[in-house]
Protein backbone atom coordinates (compact mmCIF):
# COMPACT_ATOMS: atom_id res chain seq x y z
CA UNK A 1 95.32 118.21 81.48
CA UNK A 2 98.53 117.03 79.87
CA UNK A 3 98.63 113.95 77.69
CA UNK A 4 101.26 111.55 78.95
CA UNK A 5 100.70 108.98 76.18
CA UNK A 6 99.28 109.57 72.71
CA UNK A 7 98.73 106.75 70.22
CA UNK A 8 98.27 107.78 66.60
CA UNK A 9 97.01 105.51 63.80
CA UNK A 10 98.65 102.50 65.40
CA UNK A 11 98.68 99.29 63.42
CA UNK A 12 100.21 95.92 64.27
CA UNK A 13 100.42 92.95 61.94
CA UNK A 14 101.72 89.48 62.61
CA UNK A 15 102.32 88.26 59.06
CA UNK A 16 98.99 88.72 57.26
CA UNK A 17 97.05 88.95 60.51
CA UNK A 18 96.23 92.56 61.38
CA UNK A 19 95.81 92.53 65.15
CA UNK A 20 95.56 96.30 65.67
CA UNK A 21 93.85 98.51 63.09
CA UNK A 22 94.28 102.28 63.19
CA UNK A 23 94.19 102.77 66.98
CA UNK A 24 93.99 106.37 68.22
CA UNK A 25 94.08 106.99 71.94
CA UNK A 26 95.35 109.59 74.39
CA UNK A 27 95.89 109.03 78.09
CA UNK A 28 96.12 111.99 80.44
CA UNK A 29 98.45 112.24 83.39
CA UNK A 30 96.85 110.66 86.46
CA UNK A 31 94.10 108.95 84.47
CA UNK A 32 93.06 105.34 85.08
CA UNK A 33 92.05 103.73 81.78
CA UNK A 34 90.80 100.15 81.62
CA UNK A 35 90.68 98.16 78.41
CA UNK A 36 88.07 95.42 78.13
CA UNK A 37 87.09 93.06 75.31
CA UNK A 38 87.08 89.42 74.26
CA UNK A 39 90.26 87.36 74.04
CA UNK A 40 91.99 88.09 70.74
CA UNK A 41 90.58 91.61 70.43
CA UNK A 42 94.08 93.15 70.57
CA UNK A 43 94.11 94.42 74.16
CA UNK A 44 97.40 92.84 75.29
CA UNK A 45 99.07 93.57 71.94
CA UNK A 46 98.19 97.26 72.39
CA UNK A 47 99.80 97.25 75.83
CA UNK A 48 102.89 95.47 74.50
CA UNK A 49 103.21 98.08 71.75
CA UNK A 50 103.05 100.91 74.32
CA UNK A 51 106.01 99.27 76.08
CA UNK A 52 107.67 98.38 72.72
CA UNK A 53 107.74 94.70 73.58
CA UNK A 54 106.07 94.55 70.16
CA UNK A 55 107.13 96.96 67.45
CA UNK A 56 104.17 98.64 65.75
CA UNK A 57 103.80 98.00 61.99
CA UNK A 58 102.61 101.57 61.38
CA UNK A 59 101.59 104.69 63.28
CA UNK A 60 103.23 106.39 66.24
CA UNK A 61 103.27 106.39 70.04
CA UNK A 62 104.20 109.57 71.89
CA UNK A 63 105.33 109.77 75.50
CA UNK A 64 105.16 113.35 76.76
CA UNK A 65 105.03 114.55 73.12
CA UNK A 66 108.12 112.58 72.10
CA UNK A 67 107.93 109.65 69.66
CA UNK A 68 109.07 106.44 71.30
CA UNK A 69 109.75 105.04 67.81
CA UNK A 70 112.34 107.71 66.97
CA UNK A 71 115.82 106.32 66.28
CA UNK A 72 117.44 108.40 69.05
CA UNK A 73 114.74 107.75 71.67
CA UNK A 74 116.10 106.52 75.02
CA UNK A 75 114.16 103.27 75.36
CA UNK A 76 115.76 101.91 78.57
CA UNK A 77 114.95 105.17 80.36
CA UNK A 78 111.40 105.14 78.98
CA UNK A 79 110.87 101.62 80.29
CA UNK A 80 111.75 102.74 83.81
CA UNK A 81 109.04 105.44 83.61
CA UNK A 82 106.46 103.13 82.04
CA UNK A 83 106.32 100.08 84.27
CA UNK A 84 104.63 96.85 83.23
CA UNK A 85 102.99 94.19 85.35
CA UNK A 86 102.38 90.90 83.55
CA UNK A 87 100.04 87.94 84.07
CA UNK A 88 103.06 85.91 85.15
CA UNK A 89 105.04 87.66 87.83
CA UNK A 90 108.54 87.38 86.32
CA UNK A 91 110.27 87.66 89.70
CA UNK A 92 113.89 86.52 90.12
CA UNK A 93 113.57 83.15 91.89
CA UNK A 94 117.06 83.37 93.45
CA UNK A 95 116.48 86.80 95.07
CA UNK A 96 114.33 87.63 98.07
CA UNK A 97 111.45 90.12 97.90
CA UNK A 98 113.55 93.13 98.86
CA UNK A 99 116.35 92.21 96.41
CA UNK A 100 113.78 91.78 93.62
CA UNK A 101 112.78 95.41 94.19
CA UNK A 102 116.32 96.81 94.45
CA UNK A 103 118.15 94.95 91.65
CA UNK A 104 116.76 97.04 88.77
CA UNK A 105 117.28 100.27 90.66
CA UNK A 106 120.99 99.66 91.28
CA UNK A 107 121.75 98.20 87.84
CA UNK A 108 119.59 100.40 85.58
CA UNK A 109 119.08 103.59 87.58
CA UNK A 110 122.55 103.39 89.20
CA UNK A 111 121.16 104.12 92.65
CA UNK A 112 123.17 103.29 95.75
CA UNK A 113 122.18 100.13 97.67
CA UNK A 114 120.99 102.32 100.53
CA UNK A 115 118.76 104.54 98.38
CA UNK A 116 117.39 101.58 96.42
CA UNK A 117 116.51 99.81 99.66
CA UNK A 118 114.73 102.87 101.06
CA UNK A 119 112.62 103.27 97.89
CA UNK A 120 111.88 99.54 97.70
CA UNK A 121 110.70 99.46 101.31
CA UNK A 122 108.39 102.44 100.74
CA UNK A 123 106.78 100.69 97.77
CA UNK A 124 106.58 97.29 99.46
CA UNK A 125 104.73 99.02 102.29
CA UNK A 126 102.27 100.52 99.75
CA UNK A 127 101.38 97.03 98.53
CA UNK A 128 101.32 95.46 102.01
CA UNK A 129 104.38 93.24 101.54
CA UNK A 130 106.73 94.63 104.22
CA UNK A 131 106.46 91.47 106.42
CA UNK A 132 107.79 89.34 103.55
CA UNK A 133 110.94 91.21 102.51
CA UNK A 134 113.24 88.25 103.30
CA UNK A 135 111.02 85.66 101.57
CA UNK A 136 111.89 84.03 98.25
CA UNK A 137 109.24 84.01 95.49
CA UNK A 138 108.77 80.24 95.99
CA UNK A 139 107.52 80.96 99.53
CA UNK A 140 104.82 83.41 98.35
CA UNK A 141 101.28 82.96 97.07
CA UNK A 142 100.41 84.15 93.57
CA UNK A 143 98.71 87.26 94.94
CA UNK A 144 101.76 88.12 97.02
CA UNK A 145 104.07 87.65 94.02
CA UNK A 146 101.92 89.97 91.95
CA UNK A 147 102.03 92.62 94.69
CA UNK A 148 105.84 92.36 94.76
CA UNK A 149 105.88 92.76 90.96
CA UNK A 150 103.83 95.96 91.35
CA UNK A 151 106.20 97.29 94.04
CA UNK A 152 109.19 96.47 91.82
CA UNK A 153 107.76 98.46 88.90
CA UNK A 154 106.93 101.40 91.18
CA UNK A 155 110.48 101.35 92.55
CA UNK A 156 111.80 102.09 89.05
CA UNK A 157 110.16 105.55 89.16
CA UNK A 158 107.20 104.49 87.06
CA UNK A 159 104.91 107.41 86.25
CA UNK A 160 102.72 105.17 84.07
CA UNK A 161 101.82 101.59 84.98
CA UNK A 162 100.65 99.08 82.39
CA UNK A 163 98.79 96.08 83.81
CA UNK A 164 98.28 93.13 81.46
CA UNK A 165 95.49 91.07 83.01
CA UNK A 166 97.32 91.08 86.35
CA UNK A 167 94.80 88.76 88.03
CA UNK A 168 94.23 86.17 85.29
CA UNK A 169 96.87 83.73 86.56
CA UNK A 170 95.68 83.93 90.16
CA UNK A 171 93.44 81.65 92.18
CA UNK A 172 90.05 83.31 92.70
CA UNK A 173 90.63 83.96 96.41
CA UNK A 174 93.81 85.92 95.62
CA UNK A 175 92.31 88.18 92.97
CA UNK A 176 90.80 90.52 95.56
CA UNK A 177 94.09 91.37 97.28
CA UNK A 178 95.74 92.42 94.01
CA UNK A 179 92.70 94.45 92.93
CA UNK A 180 92.65 96.18 96.33
CA UNK A 181 96.32 97.08 95.89
CA UNK A 182 95.59 98.49 92.43
CA UNK A 183 92.60 100.45 93.75
CA UNK A 184 94.74 102.12 96.40
CA UNK A 185 97.34 103.00 93.74
CA UNK A 186 94.64 104.48 91.52
CA UNK A 187 93.95 107.04 94.25
CA UNK A 188 97.58 108.21 94.37
CA UNK A 189 97.51 110.01 91.01
CA UNK A 190 99.47 107.30 89.20
CA UNK A 191 98.61 106.97 85.50
CA UNK A 192 97.34 103.43 84.92
CA UNK A 193 96.37 101.51 81.78
CA UNK A 194 94.79 98.21 82.78
CA UNK A 195 93.79 95.31 80.53
CA UNK A 196 91.34 93.32 82.64
CA UNK A 197 88.47 90.83 82.72
CA UNK A 198 87.42 92.17 86.13
CA UNK A 199 84.36 94.24 85.21
CA UNK A 200 83.59 95.34 88.77
CA UNK A 201 87.11 96.76 89.03
CA UNK A 202 86.78 98.53 85.67
CA UNK A 203 83.45 99.99 86.75
CA UNK A 204 84.66 101.17 90.13
CA UNK A 205 88.17 102.45 89.51
CA UNK A 206 88.40 103.70 85.91
CA UNK A 207 88.14 107.25 84.71
CA UNK A 208 87.56 105.81 81.26
CA UNK A 209 86.73 102.39 79.84
CA UNK A 210 87.80 101.31 76.36
CA UNK A 211 86.07 98.40 74.67
CA UNK A 212 88.18 96.72 71.99
CA UNK A 213 86.81 94.35 69.40
CA UNK A 214 88.63 92.75 66.46
CA UNK A 215 91.60 95.11 66.65
CA UNK A 216 89.74 98.40 66.88
CA UNK A 217 88.47 100.62 69.69
CA UNK A 218 84.77 99.93 69.24
CA UNK A 219 83.63 102.24 72.03
CA UNK A 220 85.05 104.31 74.87
CA UNK A 221 83.56 106.42 77.60
CA UNK A 222 83.00 106.87 81.31
CA UNK A 223 82.39 103.61 83.18
CA UNK A 224 78.83 104.56 84.08
CA UNK A 225 78.02 105.11 80.40
CA UNK A 226 79.75 102.01 79.06
CA UNK A 227 78.28 99.68 81.68
CA UNK A 228 74.74 101.07 81.86
CA UNK A 229 74.05 102.37 78.36
CA UNK A 230 76.62 101.19 75.80
CA UNK A 231 75.90 102.62 72.36
CA UNK A 232 77.49 99.94 70.18
CA UNK A 233 75.80 96.62 69.60
CA UNK A 234 79.16 94.83 69.93
CA UNK A 235 79.70 96.39 73.37
CA UNK A 236 76.19 95.42 74.45
CA UNK A 237 76.70 91.81 73.33
CA UNK A 238 80.08 91.56 75.09
CA UNK A 239 78.77 92.97 78.37
CA UNK A 240 75.69 90.73 78.30
CA UNK A 241 78.00 87.76 77.97
CA UNK A 242 80.46 88.70 80.72
CA UNK A 243 78.03 90.21 83.22
CA UNK A 244 75.66 87.23 83.26
């Protein structure tokens, strides 16, 4: 298998506070990796470093064997290949659903309106949002907005998708629809790195689960191993708390 992302000795400090400590992680093409752990364990910071929304303090991140921290690295192009879906949906309020999914394509990828529309419609269909293409974000539920955000990232040719707790801002009854969308994407061969509190999703969909604690990867393994027989005491304590 080919590694699409490799993280080497990654460290991130905010002032004196070391949020990530010597993180080493590789993600293979087509793999679904979920990252679990308590709030403040460094999960979202790790994701934000992979997308360079935060600049690492030390270490390196490689995308297809190329350092994303190199001075001559093409960051805008990288960000089209590595899509990110946030807790808040970050949709353009003044554009309808279809326009939200075409704007980046025409501006950043320089696609024609016609091509951008075709690609956007394909991805909106994947996430079940075709009936809403003329709707404005204000007319959508939280779950629908999140599905549009996923379609928008896919429309930018994302080969890796980063999900930062994509269901945490949603009402409980809307969580399921977004998780279902992500499950169906996981079966398409898309590489996914998901920070989540949804343990059932992590158990069911992941190829690998990573448990982070206090800025380090405390344990990683197959979901069946992590959830049924975690080796580390910290992992056991965390799972006992969240699976009650």
